[in-house]
Amino acid sequence: MAPSKKLTSDEVNALIDGLGDESSSASMGGDDGHVDVRPFSFGSDDLSLLGDYYALRMINERFCRFARSVFLPMLRIQPRISSFPPEVKTFDEYTSGAESFMSLTTSRMEELRGSSLLVVAPAFISLLTNSYYGGTAVRSLRRPTGEFTATEQRVIEIVTEGLMSSMQMAWRDLTPVSFSVQGHEENMQFASFVDNSETVIVCTFLVQLPGNEPATFDMVYPLQTLKPIASLLRSRVQSEFVDDDMSWRQKLERAILNIPLMVTAELAKPKVSMRNLLRLQSGDTFPIQLADGVKVLVEGKDIFNAELGQVGPQAALHLRERINANKDNV
């Protein structure tokens, strides 16, 4: 959502107090020329509550990469997704700058004992629905206000499930967080998220589509939810541990172990002149001299020295030693 440009209640009260204070005008125009000025900061976001939000910005950037795979099957094009810096404001300020008809999905963050709110504009939902069911994504993002259809609600479920899964992966390097959907509303007034006076952190994401107007969606966190991990959010080190992807390692190991290799047992390397070779005929005996052992070659490279033997009715090789590959290079 676009950031709100309206004054907060504190800012409005400061203006009213300044205009209604009769003594202020007298002091400003006094004989001694003394001007009584009371400093007040307008429109400033207090980012010192949780530091500079470095970790949260990194989470949002990582989420943008994961979220592309959510919209790609629907739009059939690769969207560009970027994130704005997090904003701190009261929930009343946020709702005053947003439309009344929106897609509002509340999710529970069990590990942090809090919740989050996913806000998506109805025009973007309409575009995703049209493209998902065979239409084109190149059209205006304007939609008449009203209830979501059953088809649009199904698209909302698919998008929400994908975005929550992407957000869970984005948070994984900082701290394990799971998002479980609690409910869905279409009007800000009925979204039981937090009180209007409570402070929230708004993370806005911009989706750019070729030949179309950009769309935005928000992820809103209550400040009280993120306060327990304030030290992690201020840290520039995302994680001290690297989780092994065992599934990837197992697949790679299985693929390597299934590579077929040609194994050859070399009994001897006899030498013969061209004259004797031309005289050979079917039924002739070709004499060879066997060495002390048999060389076992894998893909043409000497690997083992072995002895020729027999196991039951089949010939076999008894491996005696592995040939040192660096022996010839010494």
Protein backbone atom coordinates (compact mmCIF):
# COMPACT_ATOMS: atom_id res chain seq x y z
CA MET A 1 0.00 0.00 0.00
CA ALA A 2 1.14 3.56 -0.55
CA PRO A 3 2.55 5.20 2.59
CA SER A 4 0.11 7.46 4.41
CA LYS A 5 0.73 11.21 4.20
CA LYS A 6 -1.80 12.10 6.90
CA LEU A 7 -0.76 13.59 10.22
CA THR A 8 -0.95 11.44 13.30
CA SER A 9 -3.17 12.29 16.24
CA ASP A 10 -0.14 13.58 18.20
CA GLU A 11 0.85 15.83 15.35
CA VAL A 12 -2.67 17.23 15.03
CA ASN A 13 -2.84 17.87 18.79
CA ALA A 14 0.50 19.68 18.63
CA LEU A 15 -0.81 21.97 15.91
CA ILE A 16 -4.04 22.68 17.80
CA ASP A 17 -2.16 23.41 21.02
CA GLY A 18 0.18 25.75 19.19
CA LEU A 19 -2.69 27.68 17.58
CA GLY A 20 -4.76 27.84 20.77
CA ASP A 21 -1.96 29.01 23.03
CA GLU A 22 -2.52 32.78 23.37
CA SER A 23 0.59 33.20 25.43
CA SER A 24 2.70 31.84 22.63
CA SER A 25 1.81 34.74 20.34
CA ALA A 26 2.66 37.21 23.06
CA SER A 27 5.96 35.55 23.79
CA MET A 28 6.85 35.38 20.12
CA GLY A 29 6.18 39.11 19.65
CA GLY A 30 7.47 40.35 23.04
CA ASP A 31 9.38 43.51 23.59
CA ASP A 32 12.56 41.65 24.38
CA GLY A 33 12.38 39.84 21.04
CA HIS A 34 12.47 36.44 22.77
CA VAL A 35 10.77 33.69 20.73
CA ASP A 36 9.36 30.70 22.60
CA VAL A 37 9.63 27.71 20.26
CA ARG A 38 8.68 24.18 21.18
CA PRO A 39 10.35 21.58 18.89
CA PHE A 40 8.18 18.84 17.39
CA SER A 41 9.06 16.25 14.78
CA PHE A 42 6.49 15.63 12.06
CA GLY A 43 6.16 12.44 10.04
CA SER A 44 9.22 10.68 11.40
CA ASP A 45 9.36 6.90 11.65
CA ASP A 46 11.05 5.86 14.88
CA LEU A 47 13.24 3.03 13.66
CA SER A 48 15.20 2.95 16.91
CA LEU A 49 12.61 0.64 18.46
CA LEU A 50 14.22 -2.38 16.81
CA GLY A 51 17.38 -0.84 15.41
CA ASP A 52 17.90 -0.34 11.71
CA TYR A 53 15.84 -3.43 10.73
CA TYR A 54 18.79 -4.80 8.78
CA ALA A 55 17.78 -8.43 9.27
CA LEU A 56 14.15 -7.72 8.39
CA ARG A 57 15.24 -6.03 5.17
CA MET A 58 17.34 -9.07 4.30
CA ILE A 59 14.36 -11.31 5.00
CA ASN A 60 12.19 -9.22 2.68
CA GLU A 61 14.79 -9.34 -0.11
CA ARG A 62 15.07 -13.10 0.25
CA PHE A 63 11.27 -13.38 0.25
CA CYS A 64 11.13 -11.48 -3.06
CA ARG A 65 13.24 -14.18 -4.71
CA PHE A 66 11.09 -16.98 -3.34
CA ALA A 67 7.81 -15.22 -4.17
CA ARG A 68 8.59 -15.17 -7.89
CA SER A 69 7.94 -18.91 -8.07
CA VAL A 70 4.47 -18.32 -6.56
CA PHE A 71 3.32 -15.89 -9.25
CA LEU A 72 5.16 -17.45 -12.22
CA PRO A 73 2.73 -20.40 -12.76
CA MET A 74 -0.23 -18.00 -12.64
CA LEU A 75 1.11 -15.13 -14.73
CA ARG A 76 3.19 -17.35 -17.07
CA ILE A 77 5.79 -14.59 -17.07
CA GLN A 78 8.64 -13.82 -14.69
CA PRO A 79 7.55 -10.89 -12.50
CA ARG A 80 9.99 -8.48 -10.89
CA ILE A 81 9.39 -8.25 -7.15
CA SER A 82 11.11 -5.72 -4.92
CA SER A 83 10.64 -4.58 -1.34
CA PHE A 84 10.36 -1.15 0.26
CA PRO A 85 12.05 -0.36 3.60
CA PRO A 86 9.86 -1.34 6.57
CA GLU A 87 7.68 1.42 7.99
CA VAL A 88 6.62 1.91 11.60
CA LYS A 89 3.16 3.36 12.23
CA THR A 90 0.04 2.74 14.22
CA PHE A 91 -2.54 0.37 12.83
CA ASP A 92 -5.00 3.26 12.68
CA GLU A 93 -2.60 5.20 10.44
CA TYR A 94 -2.15 2.18 8.21
CA THR A 95 -5.88 1.51 7.79
CA SER A 96 -6.63 5.18 7.14
CA GLY A 97 -4.39 5.10 4.08
CA ALA A 98 -5.73 1.79 2.73
CA GLU A 99 -8.88 0.95 0.86
CA SER A 100 -11.79 -0.56 2.77
CA PHE A 101 -12.19 -3.51 0.36
CA MET A 102 -9.04 -5.65 0.40
CA SER A 103 -7.94 -9.26 0.73
CA LEU A 104 -6.91 -9.61 4.39
CA THR A 105 -5.40 -12.90 5.57
CA THR A 106 -4.35 -13.31 9.22
CA SER A 107 -1.68 -15.89 10.02
CA ARG A 108 -0.41 -17.15 13.36
CA MET A 109 3.35 -17.06 14.08
CA GLU A 110 3.43 -19.68 16.82
CA GLU A 111 7.14 -19.44 17.65
CA LEU A 112 6.86 -15.69 18.29
CA ARG A 113 3.44 -15.95 19.96
CA GLY A 114 2.08 -13.38 17.55
CA SER A 115 0.38 -12.92 14.22
CA SER A 116 0.87 -11.34 10.79
CA LEU A 117 -1.45 -9.82 8.22
CA LEU A 118 -1.19 -10.28 4.45
CA VAL A 119 -2.91 -7.46 2.54
CA VAL A 120 -3.48 -7.80 -1.22
CA ALA A 121 -5.34 -5.32 -3.41
CA PRO A 122 -8.49 -6.71 -5.11
CA ALA A 123 -7.34 -5.52 -8.54
CA PHE A 124 -4.23 -7.68 -8.26
CA ILE A 125 -6.37 -10.67 -7.22
CA SER A 126 -8.57 -10.10 -10.27
CA LEU A 127 -5.52 -9.99 -12.56
CA LEU A 128 -4.11 -13.21 -11.08
CA THR A 129 -7.47 -14.95 -11.45
CA ASN A 130 -7.84 -13.87 -15.06
CA SER A 131 -4.33 -15.02 -15.96
CA TYR A 132 -4.54 -18.27 -13.96
CA TYR A 133 -7.60 -19.43 -15.87
CA GLY A 134 -6.23 -18.73 -19.34
CA GLY A 135 -6.65 -14.98 -19.71
CA THR A 136 -4.01 -12.34 -20.24
CA ALA A 137 -2.15 -10.48 -17.53
CA VAL A 138 -1.72 -7.37 -19.66
CA ARG A 139 -4.64 -5.21 -18.63
CA SER A 140 -5.56 -2.45 -16.21
CA LEU A 141 -5.43 -3.17 -12.51
CA ARG A 142 -8.81 -1.51 -11.83
CA ARG A 143 -11.63 -3.55 -10.39
CA PRO A 144 -15.08 -2.53 -9.12
CA THR A 145 -15.57 -2.74 -5.37
CA GLY A 146 -17.52 -5.75 -4.19
CA GLU A 147 -17.18 -9.24 -2.79
CA PHE A 148 -14.67 -11.73 -4.09
CA THR A 149 -16.10 -14.47 -6.28
CA ALA A 150 -15.61 -18.15 -5.45
CA THR A 151 -12.96 -18.37 -8.15
CA GLU A 152 -11.09 -15.38 -6.75
CA GLN A 153 -11.27 -16.84 -3.26
CA ARG A 154 -9.67 -20.03 -4.54
CA VAL A 155 -6.86 -17.99 -6.12
CA ILE A 156 -6.43 -16.14 -2.82
CA GLU A 157 -5.99 -19.48 -1.05
CA ILE A 158 -3.34 -20.61 -3.57
CA VAL A 159 -1.45 -17.31 -3.42
CA THR A 160 -1.63 -17.14 0.37
CA GLU A 161 -0.33 -20.69 0.78
CA GLY A 162 2.57 -20.00 -1.57
CA LEU A 163 3.49 -16.65 -0.02
CA MET A 164 3.36 -18.02 3.52
CA SER A 165 5.62 -20.90 2.51
CA SER A 166 8.03 -18.43 0.86
CA MET A 167 8.00 -16.20 3.93
CA GLN A 168 8.71 -19.19 6.16
CA MET A 169 11.77 -20.06 4.05
CA ALA A 170 12.89 -16.41 4.12
CA TRP A 171 12.78 -16.37 7.93
CA ARG A 172 14.53 -19.73 8.28
CA ASP A 173 18.11 -18.38 8.35
CA LEU A 174 17.27 -15.90 11.11
CA THR A 175 14.93 -17.97 13.27
CA PRO A 176 12.47 -20.81 12.56
CA VAL A 177 9.01 -19.31 12.11
CA SER A 178 5.87 -21.08 10.86
CA PHE A 179 2.88 -19.26 9.39
CA SER A 180 -0.53 -20.90 9.84
CA VAL A 181 -3.54 -19.18 8.31
CA GLN A 182 -6.15 -18.20 10.92
CA GLY A 183 -8.80 -16.36 8.91
CA HIS A 184 -9.65 -14.19 5.94
CA GLU A 185 -11.57 -10.92 5.73
CA GLU A 186 -12.45 -8.43 3.03
CA ASN A 187 -12.92 -5.28 5.11
CA MET A 188 -10.34 -3.53 7.30
CA GLN A 189 -12.95 -2.79 9.95
CA PHE A 190 -13.61 -6.50 10.53
CA ALA A 191 -9.98 -7.66 10.56
CA SER A 192 -9.35 -8.74 14.18
CA PHE A 193 -5.62 -8.16 14.02
CA VAL A 194 -4.54 -5.57 16.61
CA ASP A 195 -6.01 -2.50 18.28
CA ASN A 196 -5.97 0.68 16.24
CA SER A 197 -3.58 2.38 18.66
CA GLU A 198 -0.97 -0.42 18.54
CA THR A 199 2.23 0.02 16.55
CA VAL A 200 2.80 -2.20 13.52
CA ILE A 201 5.64 -2.73 11.07
CA VAL A 202 4.54 -2.57 7.44
CA CYS A 203 6.60 -4.36 4.77
CA THR A 204 5.44 -3.39 1.27
CA PHE A 205 6.34 -5.42 -1.83
CA LEU A 206 6.10 -4.16 -5.41
CA VAL A 207 5.24 -6.55 -8.26
CA GLN A 208 6.19 -5.21 -11.69
CA LEU A 209 4.64 -6.81 -14.77
CA PRO A 210 5.65 -6.01 -18.36
CA GLY A 211 3.08 -3.83 -20.08
CA ASN A 212 1.01 -3.37 -16.95
CA GLU A 213 0.66 -1.16 -13.92
CA PRO A 214 2.72 -2.27 -10.88
CA ALA A 215 0.85 -3.95 -8.04
CA THR A 216 1.66 -3.99 -4.34
CA PHE A 217 0.90 -6.21 -1.39
CA ASP A 218 1.79 -5.78 2.29
CA MET A 219 2.95 -7.98 5.12
CA VAL A 220 2.12 -6.36 8.47
CA TYR A 221 3.68 -7.41 11.80
CA PRO A 222 2.69 -6.10 15.24
CA LEU A 223 5.64 -4.48 16.96
CA GLN A 224 5.02 -6.59 20.07
CA THR A 225 5.45 -9.74 17.98
CA LEU A 226 8.96 -8.82 16.81
CA LYS A 227 10.22 -7.27 20.05
CA PRO A 228 11.39 -10.62 21.55
CA ILE A 229 13.81 -11.05 18.63
CA ALA A 230 14.92 -7.39 18.47
CA SER A 231 18.56 -8.39 18.98
CA LEU A 232 18.38 -10.76 16.02
CA LEU A 233 16.77 -8.10 13.84
CA ARG A 234 19.59 -5.69 14.67
CA SER A 235 22.24 -8.28 13.89
CA ARG A 236 23.93 -8.36 10.51
CA VAL A 237 24.78 -12.06 10.91
CA GLN A 238 21.78 -14.04 9.74
CA SER A 239 22.70 -17.44 11.12
CA GLU A 240 25.61 -19.13 12.87
CA PHE A 241 24.59 -22.56 11.65
CA VAL A 242 24.28 -23.93 8.14
CA ASP A 243 21.65 -26.60 7.75
CA ASP A 244 22.65 -29.46 5.49
CA ASP A 245 20.24 -30.22 2.72
CA MET A 246 20.20 -33.98 3.25
CA SER A 247 17.73 -34.59 0.48
CA TRP A 248 20.05 -32.87 -2.01
CA ARG A 249 23.08 -34.76 -0.71
CA GLN A 250 21.27 -38.09 -0.89
CA LYS A 251 20.12 -37.45 -4.44
CA LEU A 252 23.62 -36.44 -5.50
CA GLU A 253 25.16 -39.47 -3.82
CA ARG A 254 22.58 -41.77 -5.40
CA ALA A 255 23.22 -40.28 -8.83
CA ILE A 256 27.00 -40.68 -8.49
CA LEU A 257 26.79 -44.27 -7.23
CA ASN A 258 24.55 -45.25 -10.15
CA ILE A 259 27.09 -44.18 -12.81
CA PRO A 260 28.04 -47.31 -14.88
CA LEU A 261 31.79 -47.99 -15.16
CA MET A 262 33.61 -50.42 -17.46
CA VAL A 263 35.83 -52.89 -15.53
CA THR A 264 38.47 -54.86 -17.47
CA ALA A 265 40.74 -57.69 -16.28
CA GLU A 266 44.02 -57.69 -18.18
CA LEU A 267 45.76 -61.09 -18.27
CA ALA A 268 48.71 -60.22 -20.52
CA LYS A 269 49.98 -57.94 -23.28
CA PRO A 270 51.73 -60.22 -25.79
CA LYS A 271 53.71 -58.80 -28.69
CA VAL A 272 53.65 -60.39 -32.13
CA SER A 273 55.22 -59.47 -35.44
CA MET A 274 53.15 -58.63 -38.48
CA ARG A 275 54.53 -61.74 -40.27
CA ASN A 276 53.34 -64.14 -37.57
CA LEU A 277 50.03 -62.31 -37.25
CA LEU A 278 49.31 -62.72 -40.96
CA ARG A 279 50.09 -66.44 -40.76
CA LEU A 280 47.63 -67.14 -37.99
CA GLN A 281 44.58 -69.17 -38.96
CA SER A 282 41.54 -70.57 -37.19
CA GLY A 283 42.57 -73.38 -34.87
CA ASP A 284 46.12 -72.15 -34.29
CA THR A 285 47.43 -71.72 -30.77
CA PHE A 286 48.74 -68.33 -29.71
CA PRO A 287 51.23 -68.61 -26.84
CA ILE A 288 51.24 -65.94 -24.11
CA GLN A 289 53.18 -65.50 -20.90
CA LEU A 290 51.12 -64.77 -17.79
CA ALA A 291 52.50 -62.32 -15.31
CA ASP A 292 52.45 -62.81 -11.56
CA GLY A 293 49.00 -61.26 -11.31
CA VAL A 294 46.09 -59.80 -13.22
CA LYS A 295 45.58 -56.06 -13.55
CA VAL A 296 42.07 -54.74 -12.99
CA LEU A 297 41.33 -51.60 -15.00
CA VAL A 298 38.38 -49.25 -14.46
CA GLU A 299 37.65 -47.08 -17.48
CA GLY A 300 41.17 -47.87 -18.77
CA LYS A 301 42.99 -46.92 -15.56
CA ASP A 302 44.94 -49.40 -13.41
CA ILE A 303 43.16 -49.73 -10.07
CA PHE A 304 43.94 -53.18 -8.56
CA ASN A 305 46.37 -56.07 -8.79
CA ALA A 306 44.50 -59.34 -8.58
CA GLU A 307 44.86 -63.11 -8.88
CA LEU A 308 42.85 -65.26 -11.23
CA GLY A 309 40.69 -67.81 -9.46
CA GLN A 310 37.30 -69.49 -9.44
CA VAL A 311 34.16 -69.26 -7.31
CA GLY A 312 31.91 -72.20 -8.00
CA PRO A 313 31.40 -72.62 -11.73
CA GLN A 314 32.44 -69.02 -12.50
CA ALA A 315 35.88 -67.51 -12.96
CA ALA A 316 36.71 -64.79 -10.45
CA LEU A 317 39.40 -62.34 -9.40
CA HIS A 318 40.91 -62.04 -5.94
CA LEU A 319 41.93 -58.39 -5.36
CA ARG A 320 45.32 -58.28 -3.71
CA GLU A 321 46.21 -54.59 -3.54
CA ARG A 322 45.19 -51.17 -4.83
CA ILE A 323 47.60 -49.62 -7.29
CA ASN A 324 48.92 -46.25 -6.09
CA ALA A 325 48.17 -43.71 -8.77
CA ASN A 326 51.07 -41.50 -7.66
CA LYS A 327 53.61 -44.31 -7.85
CA ASP A 328 54.37 -43.66 -11.50
CA ASN A 329 54.71 -39.92 -10.95
CA VAL A 330 57.44 -40.20 -8.30
